[in-house]
PDB file of all heavy atoms in Angstrom:
ATOM      1  N   GLY A   1       0.784  -1.167  -0.006  1.00  0.00           N
ATOM      2  CA  GLY A   1      -0.044   0.003  -0.019  1.00  0.00           C
ATOM      3  C   GLY A   1       0.894   1.179  -0.022  1.00  0.00           C
ATOM      4  O   GLY A   1       1.906   1.330  -0.436  1.00  0.00           O
ATOM      5  N   GLY A   2       0.242   2.250   0.683  1.00  0.00           N
ATOM      6  CA  GLY A   2       1.005   3.481   0.776  1.00  0.00           C
ATOM      7  C   GLY A   2       2.268   3.277   1.564  1.00  0.00           C
ATOM      8  O   GLY A   2       2.323   2.560   2.557  1.00  0.00           O
ATOM      9  N   VAL A   3       3.214   4.218   1.249  1.00  0.00           N
ATOM     10  CA  VAL A   3       4.474   4.096   1.871  1.00  0.00           C
ATOM     11  C   VAL A   3       4.795   5.415   2.635  1.00  0.00           C
ATOM     12  O   VAL A   3       4.453   6.435   2.167  1.00  0.00           O
ATOM     13  CB  VAL A   3       5.641   3.900   0.839  1.00  0.00           C
ATOM     14  CG1 VAL A   3       7.038   3.992   1.470  1.00  0.00           C
ATOM     15  CG2 VAL A   3       5.560   2.661   0.123  1.00  0.00           C
ATOM     16  N   THR A   4       5.306   5.298   3.804  1.00  0.00           N
ATOM     17  CA  THR A   4       5.870   6.291   4.585  1.00  0.00           C
ATOM     18  C   THR A   4       7.231   6.068   5.004  1.00  0.00           C
ATOM     19  O   THR A   4       7.764   5.019   4.912  1.00  0.00           O
ATOM     20  CB  THR A   4       4.934   6.513   5.826  1.00  0.00           C
ATOM     21  OG1 THR A   4       5.047   5.432   6.715  1.00  0.00           O
ATOM     22  CG2 THR A   4       3.546   6.767   5.610  1.00  0.00           C
ATOM     23  N   ALA A   5       7.915   7.165   5.397  1.00  0.00           N
ATOM     24  CA  ALA A   5       9.302   7.009   5.708  1.00  0.00           C
ATOM     25  C   ALA A   5       9.672   7.940   6.874  1.00  0.00           C
ATOM     26  O   ALA A   5       9.329   9.161   6.714  1.00  0.00           O
ATOM     27  CB  ALA A   5      10.111   7.168   4.589  1.00  0.00           C
ATOM     28  N   GLY A   6      10.370   7.462   7.856  1.00  0.00           N
ATOM     29  CA  GLY A   6      10.972   8.404   8.852  1.00  0.00           C
ATOM     30  C   GLY A   6      12.146   9.010   8.188  1.00  0.00           C
ATOM     31  O   GLY A   6      12.632   8.489   7.250  1.00  0.00           O
ATOM     32  N   ALA A   7      12.639  10.128   8.621  1.00  0.00           N
ATOM     33  CA  ALA A   7      13.796  10.718   8.042  1.00  0.00           C
ATOM     34  C   ALA A   7      14.970   9.693   8.044  1.00  0.00           C
ATOM     35  O   ALA A   7      15.426   9.314   9.179  1.00  0.00           O
ATOM     36  CB  ALA A   7      14.227  12.005   8.890  1.00  0.00           C
ATOM     37  N   ALA A   8      15.402   9.384   6.866  1.00  0.00           N
ATOM     38  CA  ALA A   8      16.497   8.473   6.705  1.00  0.00           C
ATOM     39  C   ALA A   8      16.220   7.153   7.330  1.00  0.00           C
ATOM     40  O   ALA A   8      17.113   6.377   7.649  1.00  0.00           O
ATOM     41  CB  ALA A   8      17.833   9.036   7.293  1.00  0.00           C
ATOM     42  N   GLY A   9      15.043   6.822   7.556  1.00  0.00           N
ATOM     43  CA  GLY A   9      14.735   5.549   8.326  1.00  0.00           C
ATOM     44  C   GLY A   9      14.346   4.447   7.319  1.00  0.00           C
ATOM     45  O   GLY A   9      14.620   4.477   6.112  1.00  0.00           O
ATOM     46  N   THR A  10      13.805   3.323   7.881  1.00  0.00           N
ATOM     47  CA  THR A  10      13.497   2.236   7.029  1.00  0.00           C
ATOM     48  C   THR A  10      12.163   2.275   6.433  1.00  0.00           C
ATOM     49  O   THR A  10      11.361   3.189   6.918  1.00  0.00           O
ATOM     50  CB  THR A  10      13.567   0.912   7.779  1.00  0.00           C
ATOM     51  OG1 THR A  10      12.697   1.039   8.920  1.00  0.00           O
ATOM     52  CG2 THR A  10      15.001   0.663   8.376  1.00  0.00           C
ATOM     53  N   LEU A  11      11.844   1.490   5.538  1.00  0.00           N
ATOM     54  CA  LEU A  11      10.577   1.598   4.730  1.00  0.00           C
ATOM     55  C   LEU A  11       9.526   0.993   5.683  1.00  0.00           C
ATOM     56  O   LEU A  11       9.529  -0.067   6.273  1.00  0.00           O
ATOM     57  CB  LEU A  11      10.704   0.690   3.387  1.00  0.00           C
ATOM     58  CG  LEU A  11       9.503   0.799   2.470  1.00  0.00           C
ATOM     59  CD1 LEU A  11       9.422   2.183   2.013  1.00  0.00           C
ATOM     60  CD2 LEU A  11       9.605  -0.187   1.481  1.00  0.00           C
ATOM     61  N   LEU A  12       8.377   1.779   5.797  1.00  0.00           N
ATOM     62  CA  LEU A  12       7.235   1.451   6.591  1.00  0.00           C
ATOM     63  C   LEU A  12       6.007   1.257   5.832  1.00  0.00           C
ATOM     64  O   LEU A  12       5.826   2.109   4.929  1.00  0.00           O
ATOM     65  CB  LEU A  12       7.142   2.399   7.765  1.00  0.00           C
ATOM     66  CG  LEU A  12       8.352   2.690   8.625  1.00  0.00           C
ATOM     67  CD1 LEU A  12       8.089   3.735   9.662  1.00  0.00           C
ATOM     68  CD2 LEU A  12       8.684   1.436   9.316  1.00  0.00           C
ATOM     69  N   GLY A  13       5.094   0.287   6.197  1.00  0.00           N
ATOM     70  CA  GLY A  13       3.917   0.234   5.492  1.00  0.00           C
ATOM     71  C   GLY A  13       2.784   0.393   6.517  1.00  0.00           C
ATOM     72  O   GLY A  13       3.017   0.122   7.681  1.00  0.00           O
ATOM     73  N   PRO A  14       1.567   0.724   6.130  1.00  0.00           N
ATOM     74  CA  PRO A  14       0.432   0.825   7.074  1.00  0.00           C
ATOM     75  C   PRO A  14       0.147  -0.551   7.765  1.00  0.00           C
ATOM     76  O   PRO A  14       0.093  -1.562   7.131  1.00  0.00           O
ATOM     77  CB  PRO A  14      -0.710   1.251   6.255  1.00  0.00           C
ATOM     78  CG  PRO A  14      -0.114   1.665   5.043  1.00  0.00           C
ATOM     79  CD  PRO A  14       1.189   0.959   4.840  1.00  0.00           C
ATOM     80  N   ALA A  15       0.044  -0.551   9.043  1.00  0.00           N
ATOM     81  CA  ALA A  15      -0.130  -1.805   9.807  1.00  0.00           C
ATOM     82  C   ALA A  15      -1.474  -2.430   9.503  1.00  0.00           C
ATOM     83  O   ALA A  15      -2.448  -1.742   9.283  1.00  0.00           O
ATOM     84  CB  ALA A  15      -0.067  -1.535  11.326  1.00  0.00           C
ATOM     85  N   GLY A  16      -1.398  -3.708   9.345  1.00  0.00           N
ATOM     86  CA  GLY A  16      -2.746  -4.567   9.094  1.00  0.00           C
ATOM     87  C   GLY A  16      -3.109  -4.522   7.613  1.00  0.00           C
ATOM     88  O   GLY A  16      -4.194  -5.131   7.308  1.00  0.00           O
ATOM     89  N   THR A  17      -2.428  -3.817   6.633  1.00  0.00           N
ATOM     90  CA  THR A  17      -2.872  -3.944   5.372  1.00  0.00           C
ATOM     91  C   THR A  17      -2.253  -5.147   4.636  1.00  0.00           C
ATOM     92  O   THR A  17      -1.212  -5.616   4.918  1.00  0.00           O
ATOM     93  CB  THR A  17      -2.368  -2.728   4.605  1.00  0.00           C
ATOM     94  OG1 THR A  17      -0.987  -2.601   4.594  1.00  0.00           O
ATOM     95  CG2 THR A  17      -3.020  -1.423   5.234  1.00  0.00           C
ATOM     96  N   ALA A  18      -2.982  -5.587   3.583  1.00  0.00           N
ATOM     97  CA  ALA A  18      -2.596  -6.757   2.789  1.00  0.00           C
ATOM     98  C   ALA A  18      -2.862  -6.462   1.343  1.00  0.00           C
ATOM     99  O   ALA A  18      -3.995  -6.340   1.075  1.00  0.00           O
ATOM    100  CB  ALA A  18      -3.125  -8.072   3.349  1.00  0.00           C
ATOM    101  N   HIS A  19      -1.925  -6.585   0.498  1.00  0.00           N
ATOM    102  CA  HIS A  19      -2.149  -6.378  -0.861  1.00  0.00           C
ATOM    103  C   HIS A  19      -1.413  -7.526  -1.634  1.00  0.00           C
ATOM    104  O   HIS A  19      -0.474  -8.004  -1.205  1.00  0.00           O
ATOM    105  CB  HIS A  19      -1.708  -5.100  -1.407  1.00  0.00           C
ATOM    106  CG  HIS A  19      -2.355  -3.915  -0.709  1.00  0.00           C
ATOM    107  ND1 HIS A  19      -3.487  -3.382  -1.297  1.00  0.00           N
ATOM    108  CD2 HIS A  19      -2.095  -3.219   0.502  1.00  0.00           C
ATOM    109  CE1 HIS A  19      -3.907  -2.239  -0.451  1.00  0.00           C
ATOM    110  NE2 HIS A  19      -3.129  -2.287   0.548  1.00  0.00           N
ATOM    111  N   ALA A  20      -1.781  -7.761  -2.873  1.00  0.00           N
ATOM    112  CA  ALA A  20      -0.988  -8.640  -3.727  1.00  0.00           C
ATOM    113  C   ALA A  20       0.307  -8.103  -3.984  1.00  0.00           C
ATOM    114  O   ALA A  20       0.545  -6.973  -4.087  1.00  0.00           O
ATOM    115  CB  ALA A  20      -1.836  -8.817  -5.069  1.00  0.00           C
ATOM    116  N   ALA A  21       1.302  -9.098  -4.126  1.00  0.00           N
ATOM    117  CA  ALA A  21       2.664  -8.608  -4.333  1.00  0.00           C
ATOM    118  C   ALA A  21       2.794  -7.957  -5.708  1.00  0.00           C
ATOM    119  O   ALA A  21       2.056  -8.349  -6.624  1.00  0.00           O
ATOM    120  CB  ALA A  21       3.562  -9.790  -4.292  1.00  0.00           C
ATOM    121  N   PRO A  22       3.521  -6.805  -5.810  1.00  0.00           N
ATOM    122  CA  PRO A  22       3.611  -6.166  -7.092  1.00  0.00           C
ATOM    123  C   PRO A  22       4.267  -7.165  -8.177  1.00  0.00           C
ATOM    124  O   PRO A  22       4.953  -7.985  -7.801  1.00  0.00           O
ATOM    125  CB  PRO A  22       4.622  -5.031  -6.759  1.00  0.00           C
ATOM    126  CG  PRO A  22       4.526  -4.760  -5.268  1.00  0.00           C
ATOM    127  CD  PRO A  22       4.150  -6.142  -4.717  1.00  0.00           C
ATOM    128  N   ARG A  23       3.787  -6.864  -9.297  1.00  0.00           N
ATOM    129  CA  ARG A  23       4.134  -7.735 -10.461  1.00  0.00           C
ATOM    130  C   ARG A  23       5.426  -7.361 -11.414  1.00  0.00           C
ATOM    131  O   ARG A  23       5.843  -8.081 -12.127  1.00  0.00           O
ATOM    132  CB  ARG A  23       2.918  -8.005 -11.362  1.00  0.00           C
ATOM    133  CG  ARG A  23       1.780  -8.699 -10.660  1.00  0.00           C
ATOM    134  CD  ARG A  23       0.638  -8.995 -11.582  1.00  0.00           C
ATOM    135  NE  ARG A  23      -0.428  -9.712 -11.038  1.00  0.00           N
ATOM    136  CZ  ARG A  23      -1.602 -10.010 -11.651  1.00  0.00           C
ATOM    137  NH1 ARG A  23      -1.756  -9.737 -12.919  1.00  0.00           N
ATOM    138  NH2 ARG A  23      -2.517 -10.664 -11.039  1.00  0.00           N
ATOM    139  N   SER A  24       5.629  -6.172 -11.265  1.00  0.00           N
ATOM    140  CA  SER A  24       6.736  -5.557 -12.178  1.00  0.00           C
ATOM    141  C   SER A  24       7.551  -4.595 -11.495  1.00  0.00           C
ATOM    142  O   SER A  24       7.267  -4.054 -10.455  1.00  0.00           O
ATOM    143  CB  SER A  24       6.048  -4.979 -13.474  1.00  0.00           C
ATOM    144  OG  SER A  24       5.420  -3.748 -12.991  1.00  0.00           O
ATOM    145  N   ILE A  25       8.784  -4.277 -12.100  1.00  0.00           N
ATOM    146  CA  ILE A  25       9.598  -3.308 -11.548  1.00  0.00           C
ATOM    147  C   ILE A  25       8.815  -1.925 -11.515  1.00  0.00           C
ATOM    148  O   ILE A  25       8.921  -1.281 -10.465  1.00  0.00           O
ATOM    149  CB  ILE A  25      10.811  -3.082 -12.489  1.00  0.00           C
ATOM    150  CG1 ILE A  25      11.702  -4.246 -12.478  1.00  0.00           C
ATOM    151  CG2 ILE A  25      11.576  -1.814 -12.379  1.00  0.00           C
ATOM    152  CD1 ILE A  25      12.927  -4.221 -13.408  1.00  0.00           C
ATOM    153  N   GLY A  26       8.000  -1.623 -12.475  1.00  0.00           N
ATOM    154  CA  GLY A  26       7.348  -0.311 -12.374  1.00  0.00           C
ATOM    155  C   GLY A  26       6.352  -0.304 -11.213  1.00  0.00           C
ATOM    156  O   GLY A  26       6.283   0.667 -10.567  1.00  0.00           O
ATOM    157  N   ASP A  27       5.657  -1.406 -10.927  1.00  0.00           N
ATOM    158  CA  ASP A  27       4.728  -1.483  -9.838  1.00  0.00           C
ATOM    159  C   ASP A  27       5.512  -1.300  -8.538  1.00  0.00           C
ATOM    160  O   ASP A  27       5.037  -0.561  -7.643  1.00  0.00           O
ATOM    161  CB  ASP A  27       4.063  -2.849  -9.722  1.00  0.00           C
ATOM    162  CG  ASP A  27       3.079  -3.032 -10.791  1.00  0.00           C
ATOM    163  OD1 ASP A  27       2.586  -2.051 -11.386  1.00  0.00           O
ATOM    164  OD2 ASP A  27       2.792  -4.290 -11.203  1.00  0.00           O
ATOM    165  N   VAL A  28       6.700  -1.973  -8.371  1.00  0.00           N
ATOM    166  CA  VAL A  28       7.456  -1.956  -7.147  1.00  0.00           C
ATOM    167  C   VAL A  28       7.928  -0.469  -6.939  1.00  0.00           C
ATOM    168  O   VAL A  28       7.739   0.182  -5.864  1.00  0.00           O
ATOM    169  CB  VAL A  28       8.472  -2.893  -7.013  1.00  0.00           C
ATOM    170  CG1 VAL A  28       9.361  -2.776  -5.837  1.00  0.00           C
ATOM    171  CG2 VAL A  28       7.982  -4.244  -7.151  1.00  0.00           C
ATOM    172  N   ALA A  29       8.571   0.038  -8.026  1.00  0.00           N
ATOM    173  CA  ALA A  29       9.177   1.367  -7.960  1.00  0.00           C
ATOM    174  C   ALA A  29       8.162   2.426  -7.633  1.00  0.00           C
ATOM    175  O   ALA A  29       8.495   3.262  -6.775  1.00  0.00           O
ATOM    176  CB  ALA A  29       9.907   1.613  -9.244  1.00  0.00           C
ATOM    177  N   ARG A  30       6.935   2.366  -8.227  1.00  0.00           N
ATOM    178  CA  ARG A  30       5.997   3.459  -7.917  1.00  0.00           C
ATOM    179  C   ARG A  30       5.584   3.364  -6.470  1.00  0.00           C
ATOM    180  O   ARG A  30       5.245   4.397  -5.799  1.00  0.00           O
ATOM    181  CB  ARG A  30       4.841   3.330  -8.810  1.00  0.00           C
ATOM    182  CG  ARG A  30       5.059   3.579 -10.257  1.00  0.00           C
ATOM    183  CD  ARG A  30       3.985   3.601 -11.175  1.00  0.00           C
ATOM    184  NE  ARG A  30       4.270   3.833 -12.567  1.00  0.00           N
ATOM    185  CZ  ARG A  30       4.710   2.923 -13.480  1.00  0.00           C
ATOM    186  NH1 ARG A  30       4.668   1.575 -13.053  1.00  0.00           N
ATOM    187  NH2 ARG A  30       4.981   3.203 -14.615  1.00  0.00           N
ATOM    188  N   ARG A  31       5.438   2.233  -5.851  1.00  0.00           N
ATOM    189  CA  ARG A  31       5.121   2.092  -4.488  1.00  0.00           C
ATOM    190  C   ARG A  31       6.155   2.750  -3.486  1.00  0.00           C
ATOM    191  O   ARG A  31       5.928   2.887  -2.313  1.00  0.00           O
ATOM    192  CB  ARG A  31       4.804   0.647  -4.004  1.00  0.00           C
ATOM    193  CG  ARG A  31       3.535   0.143  -4.792  1.00  0.00           C
ATOM    194  CD  ARG A  31       3.481  -1.314  -4.579  1.00  0.00           C
ATOM    195  NE  ARG A  31       2.378  -1.918  -5.234  1.00  0.00           N
ATOM    196  CZ  ARG A  31       1.319  -2.594  -4.773  1.00  0.00           C
ATOM    197  NH1 ARG A  31       1.291  -2.950  -3.429  1.00  0.00           N
ATOM    198  NH2 ARG A  31       0.365  -3.171  -5.503  1.00  0.00           N
ATOM    199  N   LEU A  32       7.364   2.936  -4.106  1.00  0.00           N
ATOM    200  CA  LEU A  32       8.590   3.449  -3.330  1.00  0.00           C
ATOM    201  C   LEU A  32       8.658   5.021  -3.511  1.00  0.00           C
ATOM    202  O   LEU A  32       9.458   5.588  -2.828  1.00  0.00           O
ATOM    203  CB  LEU A  32       9.759   2.858  -3.653  1.00  0.00           C
ATOM    204  CG  LEU A  32      10.053   1.400  -3.252  1.00  0.00           C
ATOM    205  CD1 LEU A  32      11.227   0.658  -4.081  1.00  0.00           C
ATOM    206  CD2 LEU A  32      10.225   1.279  -1.810  1.00  0.00           C
ATOM    207  N   ASP A  33       7.769   5.603  -4.298  1.00  0.00           N
ATOM    208  CA  ASP A  33       8.101   6.994  -4.708  1.00  0.00           C
ATOM    209  C   ASP A  33       8.120   7.868  -3.478  1.00  0.00           C
ATOM    210  O   ASP A  33       9.014   8.725  -3.332  1.00  0.00           O
ATOM    211  CB  ASP A  33       6.932   7.436  -5.685  1.00  0.00           C
ATOM    212  CG  ASP A  33       7.338   7.027  -7.178  1.00  0.00           C
ATOM    213  OD1 ASP A  33       8.411   6.630  -7.449  1.00  0.00           O
ATOM    214  OD2 ASP A  33       6.326   7.115  -7.891  1.00  0.00           O
ATOM    215  N   ARG A  34       7.100   7.848  -2.628  1.00  0.00           N
ATOM    216  CA  ARG A  34       6.943   8.729  -1.510  1.00  0.00           C
ATOM    217  C   ARG A  34       8.162   8.500  -0.576  1.00  0.00           C
ATOM    218  O   ARG A  34       8.737   9.525  -0.064  1.00  0.00           O
ATOM    219  CB  ARG A  34       5.656   8.558  -0.778  1.00  0.00           C
ATOM    220  CG  ARG A  34       4.456   9.047  -1.570  1.00  0.00           C
ATOM    221  CD  ARG A  34       3.105   8.595  -0.897  1.00  0.00           C
ATOM    222  NE  ARG A  34       3.107   9.001   0.624  1.00  0.00           N
ATOM    223  CZ  ARG A  34       2.196   8.575   1.409  1.00  0.00           C
ATOM    224  NH1 ARG A  34       1.294   7.650   0.988  1.00  0.00           N
ATOM    225  NH2 ARG A  34       2.128   8.930   2.778  1.00  0.00           N
ATOM    226  N   HIS A  35       8.450   7.258  -0.290  1.00  0.00           N
ATOM    227  CA  HIS A  35       9.554   6.965   0.475  1.00  0.00           C
ATOM    228  C   HIS A  35      10.939   7.562  -0.030  1.00  0.00           C
ATOM    229  O   HIS A  35      11.721   8.153   0.662  1.00  0.00           O
ATOM    230  CB  HIS A  35       9.886   5.358   0.666  1.00  0.00           C
ATOM    231  CG  HIS A  35      11.040   5.072   1.345  1.00  0.00           C
ATOM    232  ND1 HIS A  35      11.311   5.238   2.731  1.00  0.00           N
ATOM    233  CD2 HIS A  35      12.159   4.387   0.883  1.00  0.00           C
ATOM    234  CE1 HIS A  35      12.521   4.844   3.050  1.00  0.00           C
ATOM    235  NE2 HIS A  35      13.092   4.216   1.977  1.00  0.00           N
ATOM    236  N   LEU A  36      11.167   7.510  -1.343  1.00  0.00           N
ATOM    237  CA  LEU A  36      12.422   7.900  -1.857  1.00  0.00           C
ATOM    238  C   LEU A  36      12.431   9.339  -1.904  1.00  0.00           C
ATOM    239  O   LEU A  36      13.516   9.997  -1.811  1.00  0.00           O
ATOM    240  CB  LEU A  36      12.523   7.363  -3.355  1.00  0.00           C
ATOM    241  CG  LEU A  36      12.697   5.822  -3.345  1.00  0.00           C
ATOM    242  CD1 LEU A  36      12.816   5.343  -4.814  1.00  0.00           C
ATOM    243  CD2 LEU A  36      13.969   5.317  -2.556  1.00  0.00           C
ATOM    244  N   ILE A  37      11.351  10.110  -2.179  1.00  0.00           N
ATOM    245  CA  ILE A  37      11.328  11.559  -2.119  1.00  0.00           C
ATOM    246  C   ILE A  37      11.630  12.048  -0.686  1.00  0.00           C
ATOM    247  O   ILE A  37      12.548  13.004  -0.495  1.00  0.00           O
ATOM    248  CB  ILE A  37      10.047  12.130  -2.649  1.00  0.00           C
ATOM    249  CG1 ILE A  37       9.907  11.864  -4.179  1.00  0.00           C
ATOM    250  CG2 ILE A  37       9.904  13.587  -2.300  1.00  0.00           C
ATOM    251  CD1 ILE A  37       8.584  12.298  -4.788  1.00  0.00           C
ATOM    252  N   ALA A  38      11.190  11.332   0.276  1.00  0.00           N
ATOM    253  CA  ALA A  38      11.427  11.763   1.770  1.00  0.00           C
ATOM    254  C   ALA A  38      12.888  11.479   1.947  1.00  0.00           C
ATOM    255  O   ALA A  38      13.549  12.250   2.622  1.00  0.00           O
ATOM    256  CB  ALA A  38      10.587  10.823   2.635  1.00  0.00           C
ATOM    257  N   LEU A  39      13.474  10.402   1.467  1.00  0.00           N
ATOM    258  CA  LEU A  39      14.822  10.137   1.590  1.00  0.00           C
ATOM    259  C   LEU A  39      15.724  11.211   1.023  1.00  0.00           C
ATOM    260  O   LEU A  39      16.639  11.686   1.634  1.00  0.00           O
ATOM    261  CB  LEU A  39      15.093   8.664   1.001  1.00  0.00           C
ATOM    262  CG  LEU A  39      16.633   8.368   1.008  1.00  0.00           C
ATOM    263  CD1 LEU A  39      17.297   8.333   2.350  1.00  0.00           C
ATOM    264  CD2 LEU A  39      16.858   6.965   0.242  1.00  0.00           C
ATOM    265  N   ARG A  40      15.451  11.478  -0.196  1.00  0.00           N
ATOM    266  CA  ARG A  40      16.267  12.506  -0.814  1.00  0.00           C
ATOM    267  C   ARG A  40      16.112  13.833  -0.153  1.00  0.00           C
ATOM    268  O   ARG A  40      17.136  14.491  -0.044  1.00  0.00           O
ATOM    269  CB  ARG A  40      15.614  12.734  -2.349  1.00  0.00           C
ATOM    270  CG  ARG A  40      16.377  13.739  -3.071  1.00  0.00           C
ATOM    271  CD  ARG A  40      15.865  15.173  -3.081  1.00  0.00           C
ATOM    272  NE  ARG A  40      16.884  16.183  -3.508  1.00  0.00           N
ATOM    273  CZ  ARG A  40      16.455  17.426  -3.936  1.00  0.00           C
ATOM    274  NH1 ARG A  40      15.285  17.825  -3.818  1.00  0.00           N
ATOM    275  NH2 ARG A  40      17.420  18.279  -4.235  1.00  0.00           N
ATOM    276  N   ARG A  41      15.075  14.319   0.334  1.00  0.00           N
ATOM    277  CA  ARG A  41      14.879  15.549   1.129  1.00  0.00           C
ATOM    278  C   ARG A  41      15.741  15.408   2.459  1.00  0.00           C
ATOM    279  O   ARG A  41      16.285  16.491   2.840  1.00  0.00           O
ATOM    280  CB  ARG A  41      13.311  15.908   1.369  1.00  0.00           C
ATOM    281  CG  ARG A  41      12.662  16.194   0.072  1.00  0.00           C
ATOM    282  CD  ARG A  41      11.226  16.507   0.336  1.00  0.00           C
ATOM    283  NE  ARG A  41      10.587  16.722  -0.910  1.00  0.00           N
ATOM    284  CZ  ARG A  41       9.272  16.905  -0.979  1.00  0.00           C
ATOM    285  NH1 ARG A  41       8.451  16.938  -0.040  1.00  0.00           N
ATOM    286  NH2 ARG A  41       8.658  17.133  -2.291  1.00  0.00           N
ATOM    287  N   ASP A  42      15.774  14.295   2.998  1.00  0.00           N
ATOM    288  CA  ASP A  42      16.545  14.209   4.226  1.00  0.00           C
ATOM    289  C   ASP A  42      17.991  14.219   3.888  1.00  0.00           C
ATOM    290  O   ASP A  42      18.840  15.001   4.600  1.00  0.00           O
ATOM    291  CB  ASP A  42      16.300  12.802   4.887  1.00  0.00           C
ATOM    292  CG  ASP A  42      17.159  12.536   6.070  1.00  0.00           C
ATOM    293  OD1 ASP A  42      16.985  13.146   7.131  1.00  0.00           O
ATOM    294  OD2 ASP A  42      18.093  11.605   5.898  1.00  0.00           O
TER     295      ASP A  42
END
């Protein structure tokens, strides 16, 4: 699901959520977008 990130922390997902595993590089990478932008800003 949605991704959050503590400043320079590890990848966190919403507790209790369950989704099908992403099928492609694009799927996985897009789910990381918010985390990576937060990482870059840190």
